[in-house]
Amino acid sequence: MNRVSIIACRSQSQIWIVSMFVPYSHSVNCEC
C-alpha cells in the first residue's frame, strides 16, 4: 500500500524518501 504511493512519487526523489517514513505525508507533499 505505502510502496505504491512511493512509486507514484518517483518524480520528486526527496519527497518519496519522506513518504517512506510518513505514508500519509505523500498525499500532501507529493504532487505528481
PDB file of N, CA and C in Angstrom:
ATOM      1  N   MET A   1       0.849  -1.206   0.000  1.00  0.00           N
ATOM      2  CA  MET A   1       0.000   0.000   0.000  1.00  0.00           C
ATOM      3  C   MET A   1       0.883   1.255   0.000  1.00  0.00           C
ATOM      4  N   ASN A   2       1.701   1.351   1.013  1.00  0.00           N
ATOM      5  CA  ASN A   2       2.578   2.513   1.137  1.00  0.00           C
ATOM      6  C   ASN A   2       3.580   2.567  -0.021  1.00  0.00           C
ATOM      7  N   ARG A   3       4.020   1.426  -0.451  1.00  0.00           N
ATOM      8  CA  ARG A   3       5.034   1.364  -1.502  1.00  0.00           C
ATOM      9  C   ARG A   3       4.481   1.874  -2.825  1.00  0.00           C
ATOM     10  N   VAL A   4       3.212   1.666  -3.037  1.00  0.00           N
ATOM     11  CA  VAL A   4       2.586   2.141  -4.272  1.00  0.00           C
ATOM     12  C   VAL A   4       2.639   3.657  -4.343  1.00  0.00           C
ATOM     13  N   SER A   5       2.419   4.282  -3.217  1.00  0.00           N
ATOM     14  CA  SER A   5       2.438   5.737  -3.152  1.00  0.00           C
ATOM     15  C   SER A   5       3.831   6.272  -3.457  1.00  0.00           C
ATOM     16  N   ILE A   6       4.824   5.551  -2.984  1.00  0.00           N
ATOM     17  CA  ILE A   6       6.214   5.959  -3.201  1.00  0.00           C
ATOM     18  C   ILE A   6       6.544   5.920  -4.692  1.00  0.00           C
ATOM     19  N   ILE A   7       6.097   4.889  -5.369  1.00  0.00           N
ATOM     20  CA  ILE A   7       6.359   4.744  -6.798  1.00  0.00           C
ATOM     21  C   ILE A   7       5.699   5.881  -7.583  1.00  0.00           C
ATOM     22  N   ALA A   8       4.524   6.276  -7.133  1.00  0.00           N
ATOM     23  CA  ALA A   8       3.795   7.348  -7.804  1.00  0.00           C
ATOM     24  C   ALA A   8       4.532   8.673  -7.666  1.00  0.00           C
ATOM     25  N   CYS A   9       5.350   8.759  -6.642  1.00  0.00           N
ATOM     26  CA  CYS A   9       6.069   9.996  -6.379  1.00  0.00           C
ATOM     27  C   CYS A   9       7.530   9.876  -6.768  1.00  0.00           C
ATOM     28  N   ARG A  10       7.799   9.096  -7.775  1.00  0.00           N
ATOM     29  CA  ARG A  10       9.184   8.876  -8.180  1.00  0.00           C
ATOM     30  C   ARG A  10       9.786  10.152  -8.778  1.00  0.00           C
ATOM     31  N   SER A  11       8.920  11.046  -9.229  1.00  0.00           N
ATOM     32  CA  SER A  11       9.376  12.280  -9.849  1.00  0.00           C
ATOM     33  C   SER A  11      10.164  13.136  -8.864  1.00  0.00           C
ATOM     34  N   GLN A  12       9.658  13.257  -7.658  1.00  0.00           N
ATOM     35  CA  GLN A  12      10.344  14.052  -6.641  1.00  0.00           C
ATOM     36  C   GLN A  12      11.064  13.118  -5.677  1.00  0.00           C
ATOM     37  N   SER A  13      12.357  12.947  -5.901  1.00  0.00           N
ATOM     38  CA  SER A  13      13.146  11.986  -5.131  1.00  0.00           C
ATOM     39  C   SER A  13      13.109  12.293  -3.637  1.00  0.00           C
ATOM     40  N   GLN A  14      13.310  13.542  -3.296  1.00  0.00           N
ATOM     41  CA  GLN A  14      13.366  13.923  -1.890  1.00  0.00           C
ATOM     42  C   GLN A  14      12.022  13.683  -1.214  1.00  0.00           C
ATOM     43  N   ILE A  15      10.949  13.862  -1.967  1.00  0.00           N
ATOM     44  CA  ILE A  15       9.623  13.712  -1.379  1.00  0.00           C
ATOM     45  C   ILE A  15       9.309  12.252  -1.115  1.00  0.00           C
ATOM     46  N   TRP A  16       9.630  11.381  -2.064  1.00  0.00           N
ATOM     47  CA  TRP A  16       9.276   9.966  -1.901  1.00  0.00           C
ATOM     48  C   TRP A  16      10.055   9.336  -0.757  1.00  0.00           C
ATOM     49  N   ILE A  17      11.244   9.864  -0.477  1.00  0.00           N
ATOM     50  CA  ILE A  17      12.031   9.370   0.651  1.00  0.00           C
ATOM     51  C   ILE A  17      11.288   9.656   1.950  1.00  0.00           C
ATOM     52  N   VAL A  18      10.736  10.839   2.048  1.00  0.00           N
ATOM     53  CA  VAL A  18       9.954  11.223   3.219  1.00  0.00           C
ATOM     54  C   VAL A  18       8.697  10.374   3.284  1.00  0.00           C
ATOM     55  N   SER A  19       8.160  10.070   2.121  1.00  0.00           N
ATOM     56  CA  SER A  19       6.947   9.264   2.025  1.00  0.00           C
ATOM     57  C   SER A  19       7.137   7.894   2.671  1.00  0.00           C
ATOM     58  N   MET A  20       8.337   7.355   2.537  1.00  0.00           N
ATOM     59  CA  MET A  20       8.614   6.039   3.098  1.00  0.00           C
ATOM     60  C   MET A  20       8.407   6.057   4.612  1.00  0.00           C
ATOM     61  N   PHE A  21       8.879   7.122   5.237  1.00  0.00           N
ATOM     62  CA  PHE A  21       8.759   7.218   6.685  1.00  0.00           C
ATOM     63  C   PHE A  21       7.375   7.716   7.089  1.00  0.00           C
ATOM     64  N   VAL A  22       6.810   8.562   6.244  1.00  0.00           N
ATOM     65  CA  VAL A  22       5.483   9.116   6.549  1.00  0.00           C
ATOM     66  C   VAL A  22       4.514   8.787   5.420  1.00  0.00           C
ATOM     67  N   PRO A  23       3.803   7.669   5.511  1.00  0.00           N
ATOM     68  CA  PRO A  23       2.874   7.194   4.484  1.00  0.00           C
ATOM     69  C   PRO A  23       1.785   8.212   4.165  1.00  0.00           C
ATOM     70  N   TYR A  24       1.299   8.894   5.171  1.00  0.00           N
ATOM     71  CA  TYR A  24       0.198   9.840   4.970  1.00  0.00           C
ATOM     72  C   TYR A  24       0.709  11.172   4.432  1.00  0.00           C
ATOM     73  N   SER A  25       2.003  11.365   4.509  1.00  0.00           N
ATOM     74  CA  SER A  25       2.590  12.627   4.075  1.00  0.00           C
ATOM     75  C   SER A  25       2.656  12.709   2.549  1.00  0.00           C
ATOM     76  N   HIS A  26       2.733  11.566   1.869  1.00  0.00           N
ATOM     77  CA  HIS A  26       2.857  11.540   0.417  1.00  0.00           C
ATOM     78  C   HIS A  26       1.662  12.220  -0.236  1.00  0.00           C
ATOM     79  N   SER A  27       0.520  12.127   0.400  1.00  0.00           N
ATOM     80  CA  SER A  27      -0.698  12.709  -0.143  1.00  0.00           C
ATOM     81  C   SER A  27      -0.576  14.219  -0.224  1.00  0.00           C
ATOM     82  N   VAL A  28       0.113  14.793   0.746  1.00  0.00           N
ATOM     83  CA  VAL A  28       0.231  16.247   0.805  1.00  0.00           C
ATOM     84  C   VAL A  28       1.466  16.729   0.059  1.00  0.00           C
ATOM     85  N   ASN A  29       2.579  16.067   0.306  1.00  0.00           N
ATOM     86  CA  ASN A  29       3.854  16.514  -0.251  1.00  0.00           C
ATOM     87  C   ASN A  29       4.019  16.136  -1.715  1.00  0.00           C
ATOM     88  N   CYS A  30       3.503  14.998  -2.066  1.00  0.00           N
ATOM     89  CA  CYS A  30       3.702  14.513  -3.427  1.00  0.00           C
ATOM     90  C   CYS A  30       2.650  15.064  -4.372  1.00  0.00           C
ATOM     91  N   GLU A  31       3.090  15.945  -5.264  1.00  0.00           N
ATOM     92  CA  GLU A  31       2.152  16.495  -6.245  1.00  0.00           C
ATOM     93  C   GLU A  31       2.572  16.011  -7.625  1.00  0.00           C
ATOM     94  N   CYS A  32       2.206  14.783  -7.937  1.00  0.00           N
ATOM     95  CA  CYS A  32       2.592  14.210  -9.234  1.00  0.00           C
ATOM     96  C   CYS A  32       1.380  14.173 -10.159  1.00  0.00           C
TER      97      CYS A  32
END
